[in-house]
């Protein structure tokens, strides 16, 4: 009985923390008292192969974000325009999954909410570019699936990202 109560309380706390984290900011400016110990290096390049219309299974471009931010930079918009063009030219590819990721700084709940905001920003941009909303679903992995292990700005800058992948089913979210 005590274990059930603890599980219920833990789930309620997590849900409340996510609601607070996602509902408090609307400008994209997130503040959290985390000290940055290294100067930020040059921003990472956008990775992936060039998408050609009619390509069988292309790799969609990954976009990167600044620390504690979910706004799309110019490089991200350019990559997403290319992704949207491919999706519109290949309507048989029915599902795009956008995964939001964060670096390891911040709590798990905070990073899940931030990853969700990053994925949602990418979805909004794709929809604005003409990709049907029903074709795009979002997921957040927070800090749970780092692209680069380790600490420091070099690793962290590669982990603050949104990855896109293709599937063949309709999106439900």
N, C-alpha and C. Protein backbone atom coordinates (compact mmCIF):
# COMPACT_ATOMS: atom_id res chain seq x y z
N UNK A 1 0.83 -1.19 0.00
CA UNK A 1 0.00 0.00 0.00
C UNK A 1 0.88 1.26 0.00
N UNK A 2 1.91 1.25 0.85
CA UNK A 2 2.81 2.38 0.93
C UNK A 2 3.53 2.58 -0.40
N UNK A 3 3.88 1.49 -1.07
CA UNK A 3 4.56 1.57 -2.36
C UNK A 3 3.64 2.18 -3.41
N UNK A 4 2.37 1.85 -3.38
CA UNK A 4 1.41 2.42 -4.32
C UNK A 4 1.27 3.92 -4.08
N UNK A 5 1.19 4.33 -2.83
CA UNK A 5 1.10 5.76 -2.50
C UNK A 5 2.33 6.51 -2.98
N UNK A 6 3.52 5.93 -2.75
CA UNK A 6 4.75 6.57 -3.20
C UNK A 6 4.77 6.71 -4.71
N UNK A 7 4.36 5.67 -5.43
CA UNK A 7 4.33 5.73 -6.89
C UNK A 7 3.34 6.78 -7.37
N UNK A 8 2.19 6.85 -6.73
CA UNK A 8 1.18 7.83 -7.11
C UNK A 8 1.69 9.24 -6.85
N UNK A 9 2.30 9.46 -5.69
CA UNK A 9 2.84 10.78 -5.37
C UNK A 9 3.95 11.17 -6.34
N UNK A 10 4.81 10.24 -6.68
CA UNK A 10 5.90 10.50 -7.61
C UNK A 10 5.34 10.89 -8.99
N UNK A 11 4.33 10.17 -9.46
CA UNK A 11 3.72 10.47 -10.75
C UNK A 11 3.03 11.84 -10.72
N UNK A 12 2.35 12.14 -9.63
CA UNK A 12 1.67 13.44 -9.51
C UNK A 12 2.69 14.57 -9.49
N UNK A 13 3.78 14.39 -8.76
CA UNK A 13 4.82 15.42 -8.70
C UNK A 13 5.44 15.65 -10.08
N UNK A 14 5.74 14.57 -10.80
CA UNK A 14 6.32 14.69 -12.13
C UNK A 14 5.38 15.42 -13.07
N UNK A 15 4.10 15.07 -13.04
CA UNK A 15 3.11 15.74 -13.89
C UNK A 15 3.01 17.22 -13.54
N UNK A 16 2.99 17.54 -12.26
CA UNK A 16 2.89 18.94 -11.84
C UNK A 16 4.12 19.72 -12.27
N UNK A 17 5.30 19.13 -12.13
CA UNK A 17 6.53 19.80 -12.52
C UNK A 17 6.55 20.06 -14.02
N UNK A 18 6.08 19.11 -14.82
CA UNK A 18 6.03 19.31 -16.27
C UNK A 18 5.05 20.41 -16.64
N UNK A 19 3.89 20.45 -15.98
CA UNK A 19 2.91 21.49 -16.27
C UNK A 19 3.46 22.86 -15.91
N UNK A 20 4.14 22.95 -14.80
CA UNK A 20 4.70 24.23 -14.38
C UNK A 20 5.80 24.65 -15.35
N UNK A 21 6.67 23.72 -15.71
CA UNK A 21 7.79 24.05 -16.59
C UNK A 21 7.31 24.44 -17.98
N UNK A 22 6.28 23.80 -18.49
CA UNK A 22 5.83 24.13 -19.84
C UNK A 22 4.88 25.31 -19.87
N UNK A 23 4.28 25.67 -18.76
CA UNK A 23 3.30 26.75 -18.77
C UNK A 23 3.83 28.08 -18.31
N UNK A 24 5.03 28.15 -17.80
CA UNK A 24 5.53 29.39 -17.21
C UNK A 24 6.12 30.34 -18.22
N UNK A 25 6.69 29.87 -19.26
CA UNK A 25 7.38 30.74 -20.21
C UNK A 25 6.71 30.64 -21.56
N UNK A 26 6.64 31.74 -22.26
CA UNK A 26 6.13 31.71 -23.62
C UNK A 26 7.05 32.42 -24.59
N UNK A 27 8.09 33.05 -24.09
CA UNK A 27 8.98 33.80 -24.96
C UNK A 27 10.18 32.99 -25.41
N UNK A 28 10.38 31.81 -24.85
CA UNK A 28 11.55 31.01 -25.20
C UNK A 28 12.73 31.31 -24.30
N UNK A 29 12.61 32.27 -23.42
CA UNK A 29 13.68 32.57 -22.50
C UNK A 29 13.46 31.77 -21.22
N UNK A 30 14.32 30.82 -21.00
CA UNK A 30 14.20 29.98 -19.83
C UNK A 30 15.38 30.29 -18.93
N UNK A 31 15.12 30.53 -17.69
CA UNK A 31 16.21 30.78 -16.77
C UNK A 31 16.28 29.66 -15.77
N UNK A 32 17.47 29.28 -15.48
CA UNK A 32 17.72 28.26 -14.48
C UNK A 32 19.12 28.52 -13.96
N UNK A 33 19.29 28.50 -12.66
CA UNK A 33 20.60 28.84 -12.11
C UNK A 33 21.62 27.74 -12.32
N UNK A 34 22.19 27.69 -13.50
CA UNK A 34 23.22 26.71 -13.82
C UNK A 34 24.42 27.48 -14.33
N UNK A 35 25.54 27.30 -13.71
CA UNK A 35 26.74 28.01 -14.12
C UNK A 35 27.36 27.35 -15.34
N UNK A 36 27.76 28.15 -16.29
CA UNK A 36 28.43 27.64 -17.46
C UNK A 36 29.92 27.83 -17.21
N UNK A 37 30.68 26.75 -17.25
CA UNK A 37 32.07 26.81 -16.87
C UNK A 37 33.02 27.03 -18.03
N UNK A 38 32.56 26.79 -19.26
CA UNK A 38 33.43 26.96 -20.41
C UNK A 38 32.81 27.96 -21.37
N UNK A 39 33.64 28.68 -22.10
CA UNK A 39 33.07 29.56 -23.13
C UNK A 39 32.46 28.69 -24.24
N UNK A 40 31.42 29.20 -24.84
CA UNK A 40 30.74 28.46 -25.89
C UNK A 40 31.59 28.46 -27.15
N UNK A 41 31.84 27.28 -27.74
CA UNK A 41 32.58 27.23 -29.00
C UNK A 41 31.65 27.59 -30.15
N UNK A 42 32.18 27.57 -31.33
CA UNK A 42 31.35 27.82 -32.51
C UNK A 42 30.21 26.81 -32.52
N UNK A 43 29.07 27.24 -32.99
CA UNK A 43 27.90 26.37 -33.01
C UNK A 43 28.16 25.18 -33.93
N UNK A 44 27.60 24.02 -33.61
CA UNK A 44 27.82 22.84 -34.44
C UNK A 44 27.15 23.00 -35.80
N UNK A 45 27.73 22.32 -36.77
CA UNK A 45 27.13 22.34 -38.09
C UNK A 45 25.91 21.44 -38.10
N UNK A 46 25.02 21.69 -39.05
CA UNK A 46 23.85 20.82 -39.22
C UNK A 46 24.34 19.55 -39.90
N UNK A 47 23.92 18.41 -39.37
CA UNK A 47 24.39 17.15 -39.91
C UNK A 47 23.30 16.48 -40.72
N UNK A 48 23.71 15.63 -41.62
CA UNK A 48 22.86 14.76 -42.40
C UNK A 48 23.23 14.90 -43.86
N UNK A 49 22.74 13.97 -44.62
CA UNK A 49 23.01 14.01 -46.05
C UNK A 49 22.04 14.95 -46.74
N UNK A 50 22.42 15.42 -47.91
CA UNK A 50 21.53 16.29 -48.68
C UNK A 50 20.32 15.46 -49.11
N UNK A 51 19.14 16.05 -48.96
CA UNK A 51 17.91 15.36 -49.29
C UNK A 51 17.54 15.66 -50.72
N UNK A 52 17.42 14.65 -51.53
CA UNK A 52 17.02 14.81 -52.93
C UNK A 52 15.58 14.32 -53.08
N UNK A 53 14.74 15.05 -53.80
CA UNK A 53 13.37 14.57 -54.04
C UNK A 53 13.42 13.19 -54.68
N UNK A 54 12.56 12.31 -54.20
CA UNK A 54 12.48 10.95 -54.73
C UNK A 54 13.45 9.99 -54.08
N UNK A 55 14.29 10.45 -53.14
CA UNK A 55 15.22 9.55 -52.48
C UNK A 55 14.45 8.53 -51.66
N UNK A 56 14.93 7.30 -51.62
CA UNK A 56 14.20 6.21 -50.96
C UNK A 56 14.04 6.45 -49.47
N UNK A 57 15.12 6.51 -48.74
CA UNK A 57 15.03 6.73 -47.30
C UNK A 57 16.12 7.70 -46.87
N UNK A 58 15.89 8.97 -47.06
CA UNK A 58 16.91 9.95 -46.72
C UNK A 58 17.02 10.13 -45.21
N UNK A 59 18.12 10.68 -44.82
CA UNK A 59 18.30 11.06 -43.42
C UNK A 59 17.93 12.52 -43.32
N UNK A 60 16.93 12.81 -42.52
CA UNK A 60 16.51 14.19 -42.35
C UNK A 60 17.54 14.92 -41.48
N UNK A 61 17.64 16.21 -41.67
CA UNK A 61 18.65 17.00 -40.99
C UNK A 61 18.28 17.24 -39.53
N UNK A 62 19.27 17.15 -38.68
CA UNK A 62 19.15 17.44 -37.25
C UNK A 62 19.37 18.93 -37.05
N UNK A 63 18.62 19.52 -36.12
CA UNK A 63 18.81 20.93 -35.81
C UNK A 63 19.26 21.06 -34.36
N UNK A 64 20.01 22.14 -34.10
CA UNK A 64 20.61 22.35 -32.79
C UNK A 64 20.08 23.63 -32.16
N UNK A 65 20.16 23.68 -30.83
CA UNK A 65 19.61 24.79 -30.07
C UNK A 65 20.66 25.36 -29.13
N UNK A 66 20.44 26.61 -28.76
CA UNK A 66 21.29 27.24 -27.76
C UNK A 66 20.89 26.74 -26.38
N UNK A 67 21.74 26.99 -25.42
CA UNK A 67 21.51 26.58 -24.04
C UNK A 67 20.20 27.17 -23.50
N UNK A 68 19.36 26.31 -22.93
CA UNK A 68 18.08 26.70 -22.33
C UNK A 68 17.13 27.40 -23.30
N UNK A 69 17.23 27.12 -24.58
CA UNK A 69 16.40 27.79 -25.59
C UNK A 69 15.72 26.76 -26.47
N UNK A 70 14.62 27.20 -27.08
CA UNK A 70 13.93 26.35 -28.04
C UNK A 70 13.59 27.10 -29.32
N UNK A 71 14.07 28.34 -29.46
CA UNK A 71 13.84 29.07 -30.70
C UNK A 71 14.72 28.49 -31.80
N UNK A 72 14.20 28.55 -33.02
CA UNK A 72 14.94 28.05 -34.16
C UNK A 72 15.86 29.14 -34.69
N UNK A 73 17.12 28.81 -34.86
CA UNK A 73 18.08 29.74 -35.44
C UNK A 73 17.99 29.66 -36.96
N UNK A 74 18.68 30.55 -37.65
CA UNK A 74 18.65 30.58 -39.11
C UNK A 74 19.10 29.25 -39.71
N UNK A 75 20.16 28.65 -39.15
CA UNK A 75 20.66 27.37 -39.67
C UNK A 75 19.60 26.28 -39.53
N UNK A 76 18.87 26.30 -38.43
CA UNK A 76 17.82 25.30 -38.21
C UNK A 76 16.68 25.51 -39.20
N UNK A 77 16.30 26.75 -39.43
CA UNK A 77 15.21 27.03 -40.39
C UNK A 77 15.59 26.55 -41.79
N UNK A 78 16.83 26.78 -42.17
CA UNK A 78 17.30 26.34 -43.48
C UNK A 78 17.23 24.81 -43.60
N UNK A 79 17.68 24.12 -42.57
CA UNK A 79 17.62 22.65 -42.58
C UNK A 79 16.17 22.16 -42.62
N UNK A 80 15.31 22.81 -41.86
CA UNK A 80 13.91 22.39 -41.82
C UNK A 80 13.19 22.70 -43.13
N UNK A 81 13.56 23.78 -43.82
CA UNK A 81 12.99 24.05 -45.15
C UNK A 81 13.34 22.91 -46.11
N UNK A 82 14.58 22.47 -46.05
CA UNK A 82 15.01 21.35 -46.89
C UNK A 82 14.24 20.07 -46.53
N UNK A 83 14.09 19.83 -45.24
CA UNK A 83 13.31 18.66 -44.79
C UNK A 83 11.87 18.75 -45.28
N UNK A 84 11.26 19.94 -45.15
CA UNK A 84 9.86 20.12 -45.56
C UNK A 84 9.70 19.91 -47.07
N UNK A 85 10.64 20.41 -47.86
CA UNK A 85 10.59 20.21 -49.31
C UNK A 85 10.61 18.72 -49.63
N UNK A 86 11.47 17.98 -48.96
CA UNK A 86 11.53 16.54 -49.20
C UNK A 86 10.20 15.87 -48.83
N UNK A 87 9.66 16.22 -47.69
CA UNK A 87 8.41 15.60 -47.24
C UNK A 87 7.26 15.91 -48.19
N UNK A 88 7.22 17.11 -48.71
CA UNK A 88 6.15 17.48 -49.65
C UNK A 88 6.33 16.78 -50.99
N UNK A 89 7.58 16.54 -51.39
CA UNK A 89 7.86 15.85 -52.65
C UNK A 89 7.67 14.35 -52.55
N UNK A 90 7.58 13.82 -51.34
CA UNK A 90 7.45 12.38 -51.11
C UNK A 90 6.30 12.10 -50.16
N UNK A 91 5.06 12.28 -50.63
CA UNK A 91 3.90 12.14 -49.73
C UNK A 91 3.69 10.71 -49.23
N UNK A 92 4.35 9.73 -49.83
CA UNK A 92 4.20 8.36 -49.34
C UNK A 92 4.86 8.16 -47.97
N UNK A 93 5.74 9.06 -47.59
CA UNK A 93 6.36 8.99 -46.28
C UNK A 93 5.43 9.70 -45.31
N UNK A 94 4.61 8.93 -44.61
CA UNK A 94 3.47 9.46 -43.87
C UNK A 94 3.79 10.03 -42.50
N UNK A 95 4.85 9.61 -41.87
CA UNK A 95 5.08 9.99 -40.49
C UNK A 95 6.49 10.54 -40.29
N UNK A 96 6.56 11.70 -39.67
CA UNK A 96 7.84 12.27 -39.25
C UNK A 96 7.81 12.33 -37.74
N UNK A 97 8.80 11.76 -37.10
CA UNK A 97 8.92 11.86 -35.66
C UNK A 97 10.01 12.88 -35.35
N UNK A 98 9.65 13.86 -34.53
CA UNK A 98 10.60 14.87 -34.09
C UNK A 98 10.93 14.58 -32.63
N UNK A 99 12.19 14.29 -32.34
CA UNK A 99 12.63 13.99 -30.99
C UNK A 99 13.39 15.18 -30.42
N UNK A 100 12.91 15.69 -29.28
CA UNK A 100 13.58 16.79 -28.61
C UNK A 100 14.57 16.25 -27.59
N UNK A 101 15.78 16.80 -27.60
CA UNK A 101 16.85 16.36 -26.71
C UNK A 101 17.50 17.55 -26.01
N UNK A 102 18.13 17.29 -24.87
CA UNK A 102 18.78 18.33 -24.07
C UNK A 102 20.15 17.84 -23.61
N UNK A 103 20.96 18.78 -23.12
CA UNK A 103 22.19 18.36 -22.48
C UNK A 103 21.87 17.93 -21.04
N UNK A 104 22.85 17.50 -20.32
CA UNK A 104 22.63 16.89 -19.01
C UNK A 104 22.36 17.87 -17.88
N UNK A 105 22.51 19.16 -18.13
CA UNK A 105 22.31 20.14 -17.07
C UNK A 105 20.82 20.33 -16.83
N UNK A 106 20.44 20.53 -15.60
CA UNK A 106 19.03 20.69 -15.24
C UNK A 106 18.44 19.37 -14.78
N UNK A 107 17.28 19.46 -14.16
CA UNK A 107 16.63 18.25 -13.65
C UNK A 107 16.02 17.45 -14.80
N UNK A 108 15.72 16.21 -14.53
CA UNK A 108 15.11 15.35 -15.54
C UNK A 108 13.77 15.93 -16.02
N UNK A 109 12.95 16.40 -15.07
CA UNK A 109 11.64 16.96 -15.42
C UNK A 109 11.80 18.21 -16.28
N UNK A 110 12.73 19.08 -15.90
CA UNK A 110 12.98 20.31 -16.64
C UNK A 110 13.41 19.98 -18.08
N UNK A 111 14.33 19.03 -18.21
CA UNK A 111 14.84 18.69 -19.53
C UNK A 111 13.80 18.00 -20.39
N UNK A 112 12.92 17.21 -19.79
CA UNK A 112 11.82 16.61 -20.57
C UNK A 112 10.91 17.71 -21.13
N UNK A 113 10.61 18.71 -20.31
CA UNK A 113 9.77 19.82 -20.76
C UNK A 113 10.48 20.64 -21.84
N UNK A 114 11.77 20.91 -21.68
CA UNK A 114 12.53 21.66 -22.66
C UNK A 114 12.64 20.88 -23.97
N UNK A 115 12.88 19.58 -23.89
CA UNK A 115 12.93 18.75 -25.10
C UNK A 115 11.59 18.77 -25.84
N UNK A 116 10.49 18.78 -25.08
CA UNK A 116 9.16 18.86 -25.68
C UNK A 116 8.97 20.19 -26.40
N UNK A 117 9.43 21.27 -25.80
CA UNK A 117 9.32 22.58 -26.45
C UNK A 117 10.15 22.64 -27.73
N UNK A 118 11.31 22.04 -27.71
CA UNK A 118 12.15 22.02 -28.91
C UNK A 118 11.48 21.23 -30.03
N UNK A 119 10.95 20.07 -29.69
CA UNK A 119 10.25 19.26 -30.70
C UNK A 119 9.02 19.99 -31.23
N UNK A 120 8.28 20.66 -30.34
CA UNK A 120 7.08 21.40 -30.76
C UNK A 120 7.45 22.57 -31.68
N UNK A 121 8.56 23.24 -31.41
CA UNK A 121 9.00 24.36 -32.27
C UNK A 121 9.32 23.85 -33.67
N UNK A 122 9.96 22.69 -33.75
CA UNK A 122 10.27 22.10 -35.05
C UNK A 122 8.99 21.71 -35.77
N UNK A 123 8.06 21.09 -35.06
CA UNK A 123 6.78 20.71 -35.68
C UNK A 123 6.05 21.94 -36.21
N UNK A 124 5.97 23.00 -35.39
CA UNK A 124 5.30 24.23 -35.84
C UNK A 124 5.91 24.76 -37.12
N UNK A 125 7.23 24.75 -37.20
CA UNK A 125 7.90 25.27 -38.38
C UNK A 125 7.59 24.39 -39.60
N UNK A 126 7.63 23.08 -39.45
CA UNK A 126 7.32 22.18 -40.56
C UNK A 126 5.88 22.39 -41.03
N UNK A 127 4.97 22.53 -40.09
CA UNK A 127 3.56 22.76 -40.44
C UNK A 127 3.42 24.10 -41.16
N UNK A 128 4.11 25.13 -40.69
CA UNK A 128 4.09 26.43 -41.36
C UNK A 128 4.65 26.33 -42.78
N UNK A 129 5.55 25.38 -43.01
CA UNK A 129 6.14 25.18 -44.34
C UNK A 129 5.26 24.28 -45.22
N UNK A 130 4.11 23.85 -44.70
CA UNK A 130 3.17 23.08 -45.53
C UNK A 130 3.10 21.60 -45.26
N UNK A 131 3.85 21.10 -44.29
CA UNK A 131 3.75 19.69 -43.93
C UNK A 131 2.49 19.52 -43.07
N UNK A 132 1.61 18.58 -43.41
CA UNK A 132 0.40 18.40 -42.61
C UNK A 132 0.72 18.06 -41.15
N UNK A 133 0.03 18.72 -40.23
CA UNK A 133 0.26 18.46 -38.79
C UNK A 133 0.02 17.00 -38.46
N UNK A 134 -0.90 16.35 -39.14
CA UNK A 134 -1.20 14.94 -38.87
C UNK A 134 -0.05 14.02 -39.27
N UNK A 135 0.91 14.57 -39.98
CA UNK A 135 2.05 13.79 -40.45
C UNK A 135 3.25 13.89 -39.51
N UNK A 136 3.17 14.75 -38.50
CA UNK A 136 4.31 15.00 -37.62
C UNK A 136 3.93 14.70 -36.18
N UNK A 137 4.73 13.88 -35.51
CA UNK A 137 4.53 13.64 -34.08
C UNK A 137 5.79 14.06 -33.34
N UNK A 138 5.62 14.42 -32.08
CA UNK A 138 6.75 14.88 -31.28
C UNK A 138 6.95 13.97 -30.08
N UNK A 139 8.20 13.86 -29.68
CA UNK A 139 8.61 13.12 -28.49
C UNK A 139 9.70 13.92 -27.80
N UNK A 140 9.80 13.77 -26.49
CA UNK A 140 10.91 14.37 -25.77
C UNK A 140 11.65 13.29 -25.01
N UNK A 141 12.96 13.28 -25.17
CA UNK A 141 13.80 12.37 -24.41
C UNK A 141 14.62 13.13 -23.37
N UNK A 142 14.44 14.44 -23.30
CA UNK A 142 15.18 15.22 -22.32
C UNK A 142 16.67 14.97 -22.47
N UNK A 143 17.30 14.63 -21.37
CA UNK A 143 18.74 14.34 -21.38
C UNK A 143 19.02 12.85 -21.55
N UNK A 144 17.97 12.05 -21.74
CA UNK A 144 18.08 10.59 -21.70
C UNK A 144 18.83 9.92 -22.82
N UNK A 145 19.00 10.58 -23.96
CA UNK A 145 19.68 9.96 -25.09
C UNK A 145 20.71 10.93 -25.68
N UNK A 146 21.83 11.10 -24.99
CA UNK A 146 22.83 12.05 -25.50
C UNK A 146 23.45 11.55 -26.81
N UNK A 147 23.70 12.47 -27.72
CA UNK A 147 24.39 12.13 -28.97
C UNK A 147 25.88 11.98 -28.71
N UNK A 148 26.38 12.77 -27.75
CA UNK A 148 27.80 12.77 -27.42
C UNK A 148 27.92 12.62 -25.90
N UNK A 149 28.62 11.58 -25.43
CA UNK A 149 28.80 11.45 -23.98
C UNK A 149 29.81 12.46 -23.46
N UNK A 150 29.72 12.75 -22.19
CA UNK A 150 30.71 13.61 -21.58
C UNK A 150 30.15 14.95 -21.16
N UNK A 151 31.02 15.73 -20.54
CA UNK A 151 30.65 17.05 -20.05
C UNK A 151 31.41 18.11 -20.82
N UNK A 152 30.98 19.33 -20.66
CA UNK A 152 31.63 20.45 -21.32
C UNK A 152 30.82 20.90 -22.52
N UNK A 153 31.03 22.13 -22.92
CA UNK A 153 30.24 22.75 -23.98
C UNK A 153 30.32 22.00 -25.31
N UNK A 154 31.46 21.40 -25.61
CA UNK A 154 31.58 20.67 -26.87
C UNK A 154 30.57 19.53 -26.94
N UNK A 155 30.46 18.76 -25.88
CA UNK A 155 29.47 17.66 -25.84
C UNK A 155 28.07 18.22 -25.70
N UNK A 156 27.88 19.17 -24.81
CA UNK A 156 26.54 19.70 -24.54
C UNK A 156 25.92 20.31 -25.79
N UNK A 157 26.71 21.03 -26.60
CA UNK A 157 26.16 21.69 -27.80
C UNK A 157 25.65 20.67 -28.81
N UNK A 158 26.19 19.47 -28.84
CA UNK A 158 25.73 18.42 -29.76
C UNK A 158 24.50 17.71 -29.21
N UNK A 159 24.26 17.81 -27.91
CA UNK A 159 23.12 17.13 -27.29
C UNK A 159 21.86 18.00 -27.26
N UNK A 160 22.00 19.28 -27.44
CA UNK A 160 20.84 20.20 -27.48
C UNK A 160 20.31 20.22 -28.91
N UNK A 161 19.40 19.28 -29.21
CA UNK A 161 19.04 19.08 -30.60
C UNK A 161 17.61 18.57 -30.75
N UNK A 162 17.16 18.60 -32.00
CA UNK A 162 15.92 17.92 -32.39
C UNK A 162 16.29 17.04 -33.58
N UNK A 163 16.02 15.75 -33.45
CA UNK A 163 16.29 14.81 -34.52
C UNK A 163 14.98 14.44 -35.19
N UNK A 164 15.01 14.29 -36.50
CA UNK A 164 13.82 13.93 -37.27
C UNK A 164 14.05 12.58 -37.91
N UNK A 165 13.03 11.74 -37.89
CA UNK A 165 13.12 10.44 -38.55
C UNK A 165 11.81 10.15 -39.26
N UNK A 166 11.88 9.31 -40.28
CA UNK A 166 10.72 8.99 -41.09
C UNK A 166 10.13 7.64 -40.72
N UNK A 167 8.82 7.54 -40.87
CA UNK A 167 8.10 6.29 -40.68
C UNK A 167 7.02 6.18 -41.74
N UNK A 168 6.16 5.18 -41.63
CA UNK A 168 5.13 4.98 -42.64
C UNK A 168 3.72 5.01 -42.10
N UNK A 169 3.53 5.37 -40.81
CA UNK A 169 2.19 5.44 -40.24
C UNK A 169 1.81 6.88 -40.00
N UNK A 170 0.53 7.14 -39.89
CA UNK A 170 0.05 8.49 -39.60
C UNK A 170 0.38 8.86 -38.16
N UNK A 171 0.72 10.11 -37.93
CA UNK A 171 1.00 10.60 -36.59
C UNK A 171 -0.31 10.81 -35.83
N UNK A 172 -0.26 10.62 -34.53
CA UNK A 172 -1.45 10.84 -33.73
C UNK A 172 -1.31 12.03 -32.82
N UNK A 173 -0.16 12.62 -32.70
CA UNK A 173 0.06 13.76 -31.80
C UNK A 173 0.51 14.95 -32.54
